[in-house]
Amino acid sequence: MKTGDSGTVHATLPMRCTMVSIVALRGTGLATQMLLVLRAGAYLRGVWSYTAGHIEARETGWQAALRELREETGLVPEAFFATSFCERFYSTQGNCVEIVPAFVARIAANAEVHLNAEHSACQWASLDAAADLLSFGSQRDLLAHVRREFVLREPSAFLRVPPE
């Protein structure tokens, strides 16, 4: 709690960063496709999304992102980037503001997806189709950023991870 100038006591919301998002892309230019996964668990069941997950103890954000991508889809990227974009949303379960760093994984055209039990289906979709299927504004904002910075232009070498 904080006390304002008038002596009024104000509650504050905690901010936390315990998750990462991973946008998997294949193809180039207008032919770029994004991997969408259909949530199967109790949380967000039936919602199309991209891969995401929690950061484990002693992991960096990018290490968590690579692990989650591998665990949820079986994919190993040809190239991997931090996006410099963080999703922000209010979590009703945690009564906090979640900050979620996002990553882009460039996937080989012939790579096979092997879903774990967290997802019941997947599809490679055009970026326009993906935008129509994503349920949340912050997801569509991330997709717009990815389109602008990773599809319509070559990403900065400084965004590539793991750091060389």
Protein backbone atom coordinates (compact mmCIF):
# COMPACT_ATOMS: atom_id res chain seq x y z
CA MET A 1 0.00 0.00 0.00
CA LYS A 2 1.08 3.55 -0.67
CA THR A 3 -0.03 6.80 0.85
CA GLY A 4 -0.86 9.56 -1.63
CA ASP A 5 -0.28 13.31 -1.25
CA SER A 6 -3.71 13.74 0.32
CA GLY A 7 -3.02 11.05 2.92
CA THR A 8 -5.26 8.59 1.07
CA VAL A 9 -4.05 5.00 1.19
CA HIS A 10 -3.83 3.33 -2.24
CA ALA A 11 -3.37 -0.35 -2.92
CA THR A 12 -0.85 -1.37 -5.58
CA LEU A 13 -0.79 -4.33 -7.90
CA PRO A 14 2.37 -6.41 -8.00
CA MET A 15 4.13 -6.93 -11.31
CA ARG A 16 5.65 -10.29 -12.11
CA CYS A 17 7.58 -11.89 -14.91
CA THR A 18 7.34 -15.67 -14.66
CA MET A 19 6.47 -16.65 -18.24
CA VAL A 20 7.75 -16.39 -21.81
CA SER A 21 6.03 -16.48 -25.22
CA ILE A 22 7.44 -18.05 -28.36
CA VAL A 23 6.23 -17.26 -31.87
CA ALA A 24 7.35 -20.02 -34.25
CA LEU A 25 7.61 -18.95 -37.89
CA ARG A 26 8.38 -20.79 -41.11
CA GLY A 27 8.74 -19.44 -44.62
CA THR A 28 9.62 -15.91 -45.70
CA GLY A 29 7.91 -12.73 -46.82
CA LEU A 30 4.23 -13.05 -47.68
CA ALA A 31 4.54 -16.84 -47.43
CA THR A 32 5.47 -16.67 -43.73
CA GLN A 33 3.36 -18.91 -41.52
CA MET A 34 2.98 -18.95 -37.75
CA LEU A 35 2.44 -22.05 -35.64
CA LEU A 36 -0.78 -21.95 -33.63
CA VAL A 37 -1.53 -24.47 -30.90
CA LEU A 38 -4.95 -25.25 -29.42
CA ARG A 39 -4.91 -25.29 -25.61
CA ALA A 40 -6.13 -28.58 -24.09
CA GLY A 41 -5.69 -27.97 -20.34
CA ALA A 42 -8.15 -26.45 -17.93
CA TYR A 43 -6.57 -22.99 -18.34
CA LEU A 44 -7.66 -21.38 -21.63
CA ARG A 45 -9.02 -24.69 -22.96
CA GLY A 46 -10.03 -24.40 -26.62
CA VAL A 47 -8.05 -21.17 -27.22
CA TRP A 48 -5.65 -20.86 -30.16
CA SER A 49 -2.32 -19.41 -29.12
CA TYR A 50 1.41 -19.61 -29.68
CA THR A 51 3.71 -21.56 -27.42
CA ALA A 52 4.24 -20.12 -23.94
CA GLY A 53 5.35 -21.34 -20.56
CA HIS A 54 6.85 -20.66 -17.17
CA ILE A 55 10.47 -19.89 -16.38
CA GLU A 56 12.02 -22.51 -14.10
CA ALA A 57 14.55 -21.91 -11.32
CA ARG A 58 18.01 -20.93 -12.58
CA GLU A 59 16.80 -20.47 -16.19
CA THR A 60 17.19 -17.35 -18.25
CA GLY A 61 14.17 -16.18 -20.22
CA TRP A 62 15.62 -17.39 -23.51
CA GLN A 63 16.53 -20.77 -22.04
CA ALA A 64 12.94 -21.17 -20.81
CA ALA A 65 11.63 -20.21 -24.24
CA LEU A 66 13.77 -22.81 -26.01
CA ARG A 67 12.81 -25.49 -23.47
CA GLU A 68 9.08 -24.70 -23.71
CA LEU A 69 9.17 -24.76 -27.51
CA ARG A 70 10.89 -28.16 -27.45
CA GLU A 71 8.61 -29.60 -24.72
CA GLU A 72 5.33 -28.40 -26.23
CA THR A 73 6.04 -28.89 -29.95
CA GLY A 74 9.23 -30.94 -30.33
CA LEU A 75 10.66 -28.14 -32.50
CA VAL A 76 14.26 -26.91 -32.44
CA PRO A 77 14.70 -23.56 -34.20
CA GLU A 78 17.19 -22.84 -36.97
CA ALA A 79 17.47 -19.30 -35.59
CA PHE A 80 16.18 -17.80 -32.35
CA PHE A 81 15.59 -14.16 -31.40
CA ALA A 82 14.46 -11.97 -28.53
CA THR A 83 11.80 -9.63 -29.89
CA SER A 84 12.29 -6.60 -27.59
CA PHE A 85 8.50 -6.89 -27.06
CA CYS A 86 6.86 -7.85 -23.77
CA GLU A 87 3.20 -8.71 -23.50
CA ARG A 88 1.49 -7.03 -20.55
CA PHE A 89 -1.84 -8.05 -19.08
CA TYR A 90 -3.73 -8.17 -15.83
CA SER A 91 -3.98 -11.67 -14.34
CA THR A 92 -7.22 -12.24 -12.47
CA GLN A 93 -5.81 -15.44 -10.93
CA GLY A 94 -2.71 -13.72 -9.54
CA ASN A 95 -4.19 -10.23 -9.07
CA CYS A 96 -1.05 -8.85 -10.70
CA VAL A 97 0.24 -7.41 -13.92
CA GLU A 98 2.05 -10.10 -15.90
CA ILE A 99 4.97 -9.09 -18.09
CA VAL A 100 5.85 -11.75 -20.64
CA PRO A 101 8.98 -11.43 -22.82
CA ALA A 102 8.46 -12.75 -26.34
CA PHE A 103 10.81 -14.67 -28.62
CA VAL A 104 10.77 -15.65 -32.30
CA ALA A 105 11.84 -19.12 -33.44
CA ARG A 106 12.60 -19.61 -37.13
CA ILE A 107 11.65 -23.20 -37.99
CA ALA A 108 12.70 -25.33 -40.98
CA ALA A 109 9.96 -25.78 -43.58
CA ASN A 110 10.01 -29.58 -43.23
CA ALA A 111 10.14 -29.74 -39.40
CA GLU A 112 7.45 -31.93 -37.83
CA VAL A 113 5.42 -30.75 -34.86
CA HIS A 114 4.96 -33.23 -31.99
CA LEU A 115 2.50 -31.78 -29.48
CA ASN A 116 2.55 -32.62 -25.79
CA ALA A 117 -0.62 -33.05 -23.71
CA GLU A 118 -1.00 -29.29 -23.16
CA HIS A 119 -2.37 -28.93 -26.70
CA SER A 120 -4.96 -30.87 -28.68
CA ALA A 121 -4.21 -29.56 -32.19
CA CYS A 122 -1.92 -27.29 -34.16
CA GLN A 123 -1.84 -25.52 -37.49
CA TRP A 124 0.57 -23.44 -39.52
CA ALA A 125 -1.41 -20.33 -40.48
CA SER A 126 -0.74 -17.23 -42.53
CA LEU A 127 -0.14 -14.19 -40.34
CA ASP A 128 -3.55 -12.75 -41.30
CA ALA A 129 -5.32 -16.01 -40.42
CA ALA A 130 -3.35 -16.21 -37.15
CA ALA A 131 -4.42 -12.68 -36.20
CA ASP A 132 -8.07 -13.71 -36.71
CA LEU A 133 -7.66 -16.79 -34.48
CA LEU A 134 -5.77 -15.17 -31.58
CA SER A 135 -8.16 -14.30 -28.74
CA PHE A 136 -6.37 -11.49 -26.92
CA GLY A 137 -5.31 -8.00 -27.95
CA SER A 138 -1.83 -8.43 -26.49
CA GLN A 139 -1.37 -11.52 -28.69
CA ARG A 140 -2.37 -9.57 -31.79
CA ASP A 141 -0.07 -6.70 -30.74
CA LEU A 142 2.82 -9.17 -30.48
CA LEU A 143 1.97 -10.62 -33.89
CA ALA A 144 1.94 -7.11 -35.42
CA HIS A 145 5.38 -6.46 -33.90
CA VAL A 146 6.71 -9.79 -35.20
CA ARG A 147 5.34 -9.09 -38.68
CA ARG A 148 6.94 -5.63 -38.74
CA GLU A 149 10.33 -6.55 -37.20
CA PHE A 150 10.89 -10.19 -38.25
CA VAL A 151 8.94 -10.70 -41.47
CA LEU A 152 8.94 -7.37 -43.32
CA ARG A 153 12.56 -6.68 -42.39
CA GLU A 154 15.63 -8.61 -41.34
CA PRO A 155 15.90 -8.65 -37.52
CA SER A 156 18.87 -6.99 -35.89
CA ALA A 157 21.75 -9.36 -35.23
CA PHE A 158 21.77 -8.02 -31.67
CA LEU A 159 18.41 -9.74 -31.04
CA ARG A 160 19.76 -13.21 -31.87
CA VAL A 161 20.03 -15.61 -28.93
CA PRO A 162 21.75 -17.38 -27.40
CA PRO A 163 24.32 -14.59 -27.35
CA GLU A 164 27.41 -15.48 -29.33
